[in-house]
Protein backbone atom coordinates (compact mmCIF):
# COMPACT_ATOMS: atom_id res chain seq x y z
CA MET A 1 0.00 0.00 0.00
CA THR A 2 1.43 3.39 -0.99
CA ARG A 3 0.52 6.96 -0.24
CA GLN A 4 1.65 10.34 -1.54
CA CYS A 5 3.46 12.63 0.89
CA VAL A 6 1.78 16.06 0.86
CA GLN A 7 5.12 17.84 1.32
CA CYS A 8 7.48 16.16 -1.17
CA ASP A 9 4.76 14.68 -3.45
CA LYS A 10 6.56 11.33 -3.61
CA TYR A 11 4.65 8.05 -3.40
CA LYS A 12 6.01 5.95 -0.56
CA ASN A 13 5.05 2.73 1.21
CA ARG A 14 3.52 2.45 4.69
CA ARG A 15 6.93 2.07 6.40
CA SER A 16 7.92 5.55 5.20
CA PHE A 17 5.23 7.13 7.39
CA SER A 18 4.92 7.19 11.17
CA SER A 19 1.71 5.66 12.53
CA ASN A 20 0.59 9.16 13.54
CA GLN A 21 1.13 10.56 10.03
CA TRP A 22 -0.52 7.54 8.40
CA ALA A 23 -3.58 7.96 10.64
CA LYS A 24 -4.01 11.56 9.43
CA GLY A 25 -5.20 10.25 6.07
CA GLU A 26 -4.20 10.71 2.45
CA ASP A 27 -4.67 14.45 2.25
CA SER A 28 -2.41 15.40 5.17
CA SER A 29 0.24 12.66 5.66
CA ARG A 30 3.92 13.59 5.54
CA CYS A 31 6.68 10.97 5.21
CA THR A 32 9.24 10.60 8.00
CA THR A 33 11.91 12.23 5.81
CA CYS A 34 9.82 15.40 5.53
CA VAL A 35 8.72 15.35 9.18
CA CYS A 36 12.20 14.80 10.63
CA GLY A 37 14.07 16.85 8.10
CA VAL A 38 17.05 15.87 6.04
CA PHE A 39 20.50 17.40 6.26
CA GLY A 40 22.73 16.92 3.25
CA CYS A 41 26.47 17.31 2.89
CA ASN A 42 27.27 19.87 0.21
CA LYS A 43 30.66 18.21 -0.49
CA CYS A 44 29.77 14.53 -1.05
CA ASP A 45 25.94 14.42 -1.13
CA LYS A 46 25.58 12.12 1.90
CA ILE A 47 22.31 12.56 3.80
CA PHE A 48 21.88 12.73 7.59
CA ARG A 49 18.81 12.75 9.81
CA ASP A 50 19.99 15.51 12.15
CA ARG A 51 22.21 18.58 12.10
CA ASN A 52 24.65 17.15 14.66
CA SER A 53 25.36 14.06 12.52
CA LEU A 54 26.05 16.32 9.54
CA LYS A 55 28.35 18.51 11.64
CA MET A 56 30.29 15.44 12.82
CA HIS A 57 30.54 14.20 9.22
CA MET A 58 31.88 17.55 7.97
CA GLN A 59 35.07 16.91 9.95
CA VAL A 60 35.95 14.32 7.28
CA HIS A 61 36.27 17.11 4.72
CA ARG A 62 38.62 19.33 6.75
CA ALA A 63 42.09 20.01 5.41
CA LYS A 64 44.72 17.88 7.19
CA ASN A 65 47.10 20.71 8.05
CA VAL A 66 47.32 20.65 11.87
CA ALA A 67 50.63 19.44 13.31
CA CYS A 68 51.19 17.29 16.40
CA PRO A 69 52.51 19.51 19.23
CA VAL A 70 55.13 16.87 20.15
CA CYS A 71 56.40 15.10 17.03
CA GLY A 72 55.40 17.71 14.43
CA ASP A 73 53.55 15.33 12.07
CA ARG A 74 51.21 17.54 10.01
CA ARG A 75 48.34 15.16 9.22
CA PHE A 76 45.40 16.17 11.40
CA GLY A 77 42.19 17.98 10.55
CA ALA A 78 41.79 19.55 13.99
CA GLY A 79 43.82 20.28 17.10
CA ALA A 80 41.70 17.76 19.02
CA ASN A 81 42.82 15.00 16.65
CA ALA A 82 46.49 15.95 17.10
CA VAL A 83 46.11 15.94 20.88
CA MET A 84 44.25 12.60 20.75
CA HIS A 85 47.16 11.17 18.74
CA VAL A 86 49.49 12.04 21.65
CA GLU A 87 47.07 11.00 24.43
CA ARG A 88 46.59 7.54 22.94
CA GLY A 89 50.33 6.95 22.90
CA HIS A 90 50.69 6.91 19.10
CA CYS A 91 53.15 9.81 19.03
CA ARG A 92 56.77 8.84 18.51
CA GLY A 93 57.80 11.74 20.79
CA CYS A 94 56.20 10.19 23.89
CA LYS A 95 56.69 6.74 25.34
CA GLY A 96 53.38 5.24 26.48
CA ARG A 97 49.98 6.68 27.40
CA ASP A 98 50.86 7.86 30.91
CA SER A 99 53.88 9.75 29.68
CA ALA A 100 51.85 11.22 26.82
CA ARG A 101 49.07 12.34 29.17
CA ARG A 102 51.62 14.06 31.41
CA HIS A 103 53.26 15.76 28.37
CA ILE A 104 49.89 17.10 27.19
CA TYR A 105 49.00 18.30 30.69
CA GLU A 106 52.35 20.07 31.06
CA PHE A 107 52.01 21.59 27.59
CA ALA A 108 48.45 22.83 28.33
CA SER A 109 49.47 24.12 31.78
CA CYS A 110 52.11 26.36 30.21
CA GLN A 111 49.74 27.94 27.67
CA SER A 112 48.18 31.19 28.92
CA ALA A 113 45.17 30.64 26.62
CA MET A 114 44.47 27.36 28.45
CA ARG A 115 44.11 28.83 31.96
CA PRO A 116 40.29 29.13 31.77
CA PHE A 117 40.11 25.46 30.70
CA MET A 118 42.17 24.03 33.55
CA ALA A 119 40.09 22.56 36.40
CA TYR A 120 42.93 23.02 38.90
CA ALA A 121 45.71 25.57 39.02
CA PRO A 122 48.78 23.44 38.26
CA GLN A 123 51.45 23.52 40.93
CA LEU A 124 54.80 24.47 39.45
CA LEU A 125 58.32 23.60 40.42
CA TYR A 126 61.26 25.83 39.65
CA GLY A 127 61.82 25.52 35.93
CA GLY A 128 58.11 25.67 35.00
CA TYR A 129 57.11 22.01 35.10
CA SER A 130 54.19 20.67 37.09
CA CYS A 131 54.96 18.42 39.99
CA GLY A 132 53.16 15.22 40.86
CA SER A 133 50.73 13.30 38.72
CA VAL A 134 48.01 14.56 36.42
CA PRO A 135 44.64 14.99 38.22
CA ASN A 136 41.81 12.64 37.17
CA PHE A 137 39.74 15.35 35.47
CA PRO A 138 42.17 18.23 34.88
CA TYR A 139 40.23 20.04 32.15
CA ARG A 140 36.96 21.99 32.49
CA CYS A 141 34.69 23.83 30.07
CA PRO A 142 34.36 27.44 31.30
CA GLN A 143 30.93 27.82 29.64
CA CYS A 144 29.07 24.81 31.07
CA TYR A 145 31.55 23.52 33.71
CA MET A 146 31.75 19.97 32.32
CA SER A 147 34.97 18.22 33.40
CA TYR A 148 37.13 16.08 31.13
CA GLN A 149 39.86 13.51 31.64
CA GLN A 150 41.50 14.14 28.28
CA LEU A 151 42.28 17.48 26.62
CA SER A 152 41.07 16.11 23.27
CA GLN A 153 37.62 15.45 24.81
CA LEU A 154 37.40 19.07 25.99
CA MET A 155 38.52 20.33 22.58
CA GLN A 156 35.88 18.23 20.79
CA HIS A 157 33.25 19.46 23.25
CA GLN A 158 34.28 23.08 22.66
CA TYR A 159 33.99 22.64 18.89
CA GLN A 160 30.70 20.72 18.91
CA LYS A 161 28.79 22.51 21.66
CA HIS A 162 30.25 26.01 21.72
CA SER A 163 31.63 26.36 18.14
CA ASN A 164 35.10 27.15 19.52
CA ASN A 165 37.73 25.72 17.20
CA ASP A 166 40.70 27.86 18.27
CA MET A 167 41.23 26.67 21.81
CA LEU A 168 44.87 25.81 21.14
CA THR A 169 47.05 26.59 18.17
CA PHE A 170 50.01 24.42 17.30
């Protein structure tokens, strides 16, 4: 059994309509695509059901010109991806995840632009390096006060929720 959508004028089967829309009858039913909306990528023509999915997908099309702050590899589309590369222990400049996490924390602690994003004021030794271990959730969003264990998580949050893509520059 098919029915014509009053918005897009396409004939579609019963599964293309919600039960609520189907119950409205032939003269006022809209298909789920028209009700929910469709968000299309203007670069590759992929279609997404919501704006957030499209926004996440658009990261695929970014230029890969961001360098790793430790090893200098220039192959990342965003600073968050470069930081994640270090945090996961994939960077040749750091040995292991714990060492990488400490390097990132020390790097972020020394950046004046990062002060609003630090959950705790880092304690410094003479020479400018933090002493002790990295706190469990050292990073915090100054807009909504969410705490993060990894700097890359905070950077992704800043980009997705607050449209801030210039938290750190490498």
